[in-house]
Amino acid sequence: MTEAKNILKSITPNPIWQTARSSWHTLQNAALWPEAMFHPWRRASIRRLGELKDIHRGQRCFIIGNGPSLKQTDLKKLKDECTFGMNRIYLGFPEMGFQTTYFLTINSLVIEQCAEDIRRLSMPRFICWRSRRVIGTAPDLIFLHTTYNGPKFAVDARGRLWEGATVTYVALQLAYHMGFSQVILIGVDHNYSAQGKPNTTVVSQGEDKDHFHSDYFGKGFRWQLPDLETSERSYRMARQAYERDGRQVLDATIGGKLTVFPKVDYNSLF
């Protein structure tokens, strides 16, 4: 199927191919829309997201990535800050000495393999709608209608959010929805030793060197190789959206390779 697709793409003029591709993605997203809007679980999530709209207007928050640089970052300084933790950040909670204000995961493989861990968390948790059957429903569990395709920056998280190849992009959309005027990224190293075709599912063969904890994607864990190019595209969209509204995204990652957002020294923020 992939070979046939590549042949068809090679003989089709690019403008026609891109138009057809966009139309196909639009049809795919349209097919998902009814259940993502009218299912009782989603209706409850939409109401909860309405309550969270602009709840933090004018405040700042920290979005905590999961890169190795977290081991060089004094996370205890964030105890009284508003924070977003993502995927397996909870592995660091004991050493941090606190839990993040919010938790987010849109990675189906993480949800499938860590469902029990996620269910045990006590803060508001944002989960992708497609994984609802894996995780079930629970108090403070909020389903987001996220999609792999259809690039956009959603200013209202009650509708569809593009994933942009990284959970951090969805966190930026959530932070915007909640009204934060300044968002600071840490632990977003944007640098991986693992190599291969982006988005390919692989099985970890040993300790994880690309995240802050060796068991993050430890031996036997299934995960997808990063798509840094698409991530950078989504980050640029986020920066534009924030700046259009007079808001700001800063990157305080220690030694991070991402160059989309203005850099700031982490310790200077306190």
Protein backbone atom coordinates (compact mmCIF):
# COMPACT_ATOMS: atom_id res chain seq x y z
CA MET A 1 0.00 0.00 0.00
CA THR A 2 2.80 2.40 0.92
CA GLU A 3 4.69 1.59 -2.30
CA ALA A 4 1.58 2.18 -4.42
CA LYS A 5 0.97 5.47 -2.61
CA ASN A 6 4.54 6.60 -3.30
CA ILE A 7 4.22 5.74 -6.99
CA LEU A 8 0.94 7.64 -7.25
CA LYS A 9 2.47 10.63 -5.48
CA SER A 10 5.48 10.63 -7.82
CA ILE A 11 3.30 10.89 -10.95
CA THR A 12 0.76 13.38 -9.57
CA PRO A 13 1.45 17.14 -9.82
CA ASN A 14 2.17 18.44 -6.32
CA PRO A 15 -0.70 21.00 -6.18
CA ILE A 16 -3.20 18.28 -7.10
CA TRP A 17 -1.66 15.85 -4.60
CA GLN A 18 -1.77 18.39 -1.77
CA THR A 19 -5.38 19.31 -2.54
CA ALA A 20 -6.43 15.66 -2.61
CA ARG A 21 -4.52 14.97 0.60
CA SER A 22 -6.14 17.90 2.37
CA SER A 23 -9.60 16.85 1.18
CA TRP A 24 -9.03 13.30 2.42
CA HIS A 25 -7.96 14.53 5.85
CA THR A 26 -11.00 16.80 6.01
CA LEU A 27 -13.27 13.83 5.31
CA GLN A 28 -11.50 11.75 7.96
CA ASN A 29 -11.92 14.45 10.59
CA ALA A 30 -15.57 14.99 9.61
CA ALA A 31 -16.28 11.30 10.18
CA LEU A 32 -14.91 11.57 13.74
CA TRP A 33 -16.85 14.72 14.59
CA PRO A 34 -20.34 13.43 15.59
CA GLU A 35 -19.16 11.08 18.35
CA ALA A 36 -16.44 13.49 19.45
CA MET A 37 -19.11 16.15 19.96
CA PHE A 38 -22.18 14.28 21.18
CA HIS A 39 -21.00 11.26 23.15
CA PRO A 40 -21.98 11.73 26.85
CA TRP A 41 -18.35 11.48 27.99
CA ARG A 42 -17.31 14.16 25.53
CA ARG A 43 -20.27 16.36 26.41
CA ALA A 44 -19.14 16.23 30.05
CA SER A 45 -15.59 17.05 28.98
CA ILE A 46 -16.76 19.98 26.85
CA ARG A 47 -18.66 21.39 29.84
CA ARG A 48 -15.56 21.03 32.01
CA LEU A 49 -13.40 22.70 29.36
CA GLY A 50 -15.91 25.54 29.31
CA GLU A 51 -15.37 26.00 33.04
CA LEU A 52 -11.61 26.13 32.46
CA LYS A 53 -11.80 28.72 29.67
CA ASP A 54 -9.68 31.75 30.70
CA ILE A 55 -9.57 30.53 34.32
CA HIS A 56 -5.87 31.53 34.52
CA ARG A 57 -6.07 34.75 32.52
CA GLY A 58 -2.99 36.91 33.03
CA GLN A 59 -1.03 34.25 34.90
CA ARG A 60 2.09 32.28 33.96
CA CYS A 61 2.59 28.55 33.79
CA PHE A 62 5.32 26.02 33.12
CA ILE A 63 4.98 23.19 30.64
CA ILE A 64 7.34 20.45 31.76
CA GLY A 65 8.79 18.32 28.99
CA ASN A 66 10.41 15.00 29.72
CA GLY A 67 13.92 15.46 28.30
CA PRO A 68 17.16 14.53 30.09
CA SER A 69 17.73 18.21 30.92
CA LEU A 70 15.18 17.87 33.72
CA LYS A 71 17.93 16.14 35.69
CA GLN A 72 19.85 19.44 35.59
CA THR A 73 16.79 21.56 36.45
CA ASP A 74 15.80 22.45 40.02
CA LEU A 75 12.15 21.43 39.74
CA LYS A 76 11.49 22.14 43.42
CA LYS A 77 11.26 25.81 42.43
CA LEU A 78 8.00 24.97 40.64
CA LYS A 79 6.15 23.67 43.69
CA ASP A 80 3.96 26.78 43.97
CA GLU A 81 3.71 27.43 40.23
CA CYS A 82 0.99 26.31 37.83
CA THR A 83 2.41 23.38 35.89
CA PHE A 84 1.51 20.98 33.09
CA GLY A 85 3.04 17.49 33.24
CA MET A 86 2.89 15.13 30.28
CA ASN A 87 3.05 11.41 29.51
CA ARG A 88 5.21 9.69 32.17
CA ILE A 89 6.19 12.81 34.14
CA TYR A 90 4.76 11.13 37.24
CA LEU A 91 7.93 9.01 37.44
CA GLY A 92 9.60 12.18 38.68
CA PHE A 93 7.00 13.19 41.27
CA PRO A 94 8.78 11.59 44.27
CA GLU A 95 12.00 13.49 43.60
CA MET A 96 10.19 16.69 42.65
CA GLY A 97 8.27 16.66 45.92
CA PHE A 98 4.98 17.69 44.31
CA GLN A 99 2.57 16.75 41.54
CA THR A 100 1.90 18.94 38.55
CA THR A 101 -1.25 21.06 38.51
CA TYR A 102 -2.48 19.39 35.33
CA PHE A 103 -1.60 16.20 33.48
CA LEU A 104 -1.85 15.58 29.75
CA THR A 105 -1.26 12.65 27.41
CA ILE A 106 -2.38 12.13 23.83
CA ASN A 107 0.00 9.27 23.08
CA SER A 108 -2.09 6.14 22.50
CA LEU A 109 0.86 3.83 23.21
CA VAL A 110 1.56 5.55 26.54
CA ILE A 111 -2.10 5.40 27.52
CA GLU A 112 -2.37 1.73 26.55
CA GLN A 113 0.73 0.69 28.51
CA CYS A 114 0.32 3.04 31.48
CA ALA A 115 -3.47 3.19 31.94
CA GLU A 116 -3.37 2.09 35.57
CA ASP A 117 -0.71 4.69 36.42
CA ILE A 118 -2.80 7.40 34.78
CA ARG A 119 -5.98 6.32 36.57
CA ARG A 120 -4.20 6.64 39.94
CA LEU A 121 -3.26 10.29 39.36
CA SER A 122 -5.39 12.77 41.30
CA MET A 123 -5.06 16.04 39.37
CA PRO A 124 -7.20 17.03 36.35
CA ARG A 125 -6.07 14.77 33.50
CA PHE A 126 -6.48 15.53 29.80
CA ILE A 127 -6.62 12.44 27.57
CA CYS A 128 -7.10 12.02 23.82
CA TRP A 129 -10.63 10.95 22.87
CA ARG A 130 -9.49 8.02 20.70
CA SER A 131 -8.12 6.25 23.83
CA ARG A 132 -11.38 6.47 25.77
CA ARG A 133 -12.02 2.72 25.65
CA VAL A 134 -8.58 2.02 27.12
CA ILE A 135 -8.73 4.50 29.98
CA GLY A 136 -12.48 4.61 30.74
CA THR A 137 -14.07 7.52 32.55
CA ALA A 138 -13.35 8.97 35.98
CA PRO A 139 -13.70 12.23 37.93
CA ASP A 140 -11.32 14.94 36.70
CA LEU A 141 -10.62 13.02 33.49
CA ILE A 142 -11.20 15.30 30.50
CA PHE A 143 -11.28 14.01 26.94
CA LEU A 144 -9.77 16.13 24.16
CA HIS A 145 -10.71 15.69 20.50
CA THR A 146 -7.22 15.59 18.98
CA THR A 147 -6.23 14.54 15.47
CA TYR A 148 -2.99 13.62 13.72
CA ASN A 149 -3.82 15.72 10.65
CA GLY A 150 -5.47 19.04 9.82
CA PRO A 151 -2.86 21.57 11.02
CA LYS A 152 -4.29 24.37 13.16
CA PHE A 153 -3.77 26.13 16.48
CA ALA A 154 -6.96 25.85 18.51
CA VAL A 155 -7.72 28.85 20.70
CA ASP A 156 -10.68 26.98 22.19
CA ALA A 157 -9.94 23.44 23.39
CA ARG A 158 -13.59 22.41 23.29
CA GLY A 159 -13.25 21.74 19.56
CA ARG A 160 -10.66 19.84 17.55
CA LEU A 161 -6.98 20.21 18.40
CA TRP A 162 -4.16 19.28 16.04
CA GLU A 163 -1.49 17.21 17.78
CA GLY A 164 1.41 18.66 15.78
CA ALA A 165 3.52 15.52 16.40
CA THR A 166 4.13 16.43 20.05
CA VAL A 167 2.10 16.49 23.25
CA THR A 168 3.78 19.81 24.07
CA TYR A 169 1.87 21.46 21.24
CA VAL A 170 -1.43 20.29 22.70
CA ALA A 171 -0.31 21.60 26.09
CA LEU A 172 0.35 25.00 24.48
CA GLN A 173 -3.19 25.00 23.08
CA LEU A 174 -4.62 24.08 26.49
CA ALA A 175 -2.60 26.81 28.19
CA TYR A 176 -3.92 29.33 25.67
CA HIS A 177 -7.48 28.10 26.26
CA MET A 178 -7.03 28.62 30.01
CA GLY A 179 -5.85 32.19 29.47
CA PHE A 180 -2.19 32.04 30.51
CA SER A 181 -0.34 35.12 29.28
CA GLN A 182 3.14 33.67 29.71
CA VAL A 183 4.06 30.03 29.12
CA ILE A 184 7.53 28.75 29.95
CA LEU A 185 8.89 25.50 28.53
CA ILE A 186 11.39 23.36 30.41
CA GLY A 187 12.66 19.89 29.64
CA VAL A 188 11.80 20.31 25.95
CA ASP A 189 15.23 19.16 24.75
CA HIS A 190 14.12 18.59 21.14
CA ASN A 191 17.04 16.21 20.70
CA TYR A 192 17.03 12.40 20.50
CA SER A 193 19.71 9.76 20.17
CA ALA A 194 17.18 7.29 18.73
CA GLN A 195 17.25 7.37 14.93
CA GLY A 196 14.82 6.18 12.28
CA LYS A 197 11.79 7.15 10.23
CA PRO A 198 9.58 9.61 12.17
CA ASN A 199 6.44 8.17 13.79
CA THR A 200 7.65 4.57 13.39
CA THR A 201 6.67 2.36 16.33
CA VAL A 202 9.68 0.69 17.92
CA VAL A 203 10.32 -1.41 21.03
CA SER A 204 12.88 -0.14 23.52
CA GLN A 205 15.83 -2.48 23.93
CA GLY A 206 17.19 -1.08 27.18
CA GLU A 207 17.41 1.96 29.43
CA ASP A 208 15.95 5.18 28.05
CA LYS A 209 18.61 7.80 27.38
CA ASP A 210 16.29 10.30 25.69
CA HIS A 211 14.16 11.14 28.74
CA PHE A 212 14.74 12.17 32.34
CA HIS A 213 14.17 8.68 33.76
CA SER A 214 15.80 5.45 32.57
CA ASP A 215 12.45 3.63 32.84
CA TYR A 216 10.51 6.28 30.93
CA PHE A 217 10.51 4.20 27.76
CA GLY A 218 12.42 1.34 29.35
CA LYS A 219 13.15 -2.11 27.96
CA GLY A 220 10.13 -3.60 26.21
CA PHE A 221 8.18 -0.33 26.04
CA ARG A 222 6.60 0.44 22.67
CA TRP A 223 6.95 4.04 21.49
CA GLN A 224 7.08 6.13 18.33
CA LEU A 225 10.19 7.78 16.96
CA PRO A 226 9.96 11.61 17.07
CA ASP A 227 8.95 13.81 14.16
CA LEU A 228 11.00 16.92 14.91
CA GLU A 229 10.24 18.63 11.59
CA THR A 230 6.46 18.56 12.16
CA SER A 231 7.00 19.53 15.80
CA GLU A 232 8.90 22.64 14.73
CA ARG A 233 6.12 23.55 12.31
CA SER A 234 3.55 23.31 15.10
CA TYR A 235 5.71 25.28 17.51
CA ARG A 236 5.97 28.11 14.98
CA MET A 237 2.16 28.14 14.74
CA ALA A 238 1.94 28.34 18.53
CA ARG A 239 4.37 31.23 18.73
CA GLN A 240 2.42 33.16 16.11
CA ALA A 241 -0.89 32.56 17.90
CA TYR A 242 0.45 33.69 21.27
CA GLU A 243 2.17 36.77 19.90
CA ARG A 244 -0.91 37.84 17.92
CA ASP A 245 -2.77 38.01 21.24
CA GLY A 246 0.02 39.79 23.11
CA ARG A 247 1.03 36.65 24.95
CA GLN A 248 4.41 34.95 25.21
CA VAL A 249 6.03 31.52 25.09
CA LEU A 250 9.57 31.30 26.48
CA ASP A 251 12.00 28.38 26.40
CA ALA A 252 13.92 27.84 29.64
CA THR A 253 15.12 24.35 28.76
CA ILE A 254 18.71 23.87 29.87
CA GLY A 255 20.79 23.04 26.79
CA GLY A 256 17.74 22.47 24.60
CA LYS A 257 18.07 22.35 20.80
CA LEU A 258 14.72 23.98 19.99
CA THR A 259 15.16 27.42 18.43
CA VAL A 260 11.56 28.49 17.77
CA PHE A 261 10.88 30.37 21.03
CA PRO A 262 12.90 33.09 22.79
CA LYS A 263 15.36 31.62 25.28
CA VAL A 264 15.42 32.56 28.95
CA ASP A 265 17.61 31.49 31.86
CA TYR A 266 15.57 29.20 34.11
CA ASN A 267 16.97 30.48 37.40
CA SER A 268 16.31 34.11 36.43
CA LEU A 269 12.56 33.42 36.54
CA PHE A 270 12.41 33.20 40.35
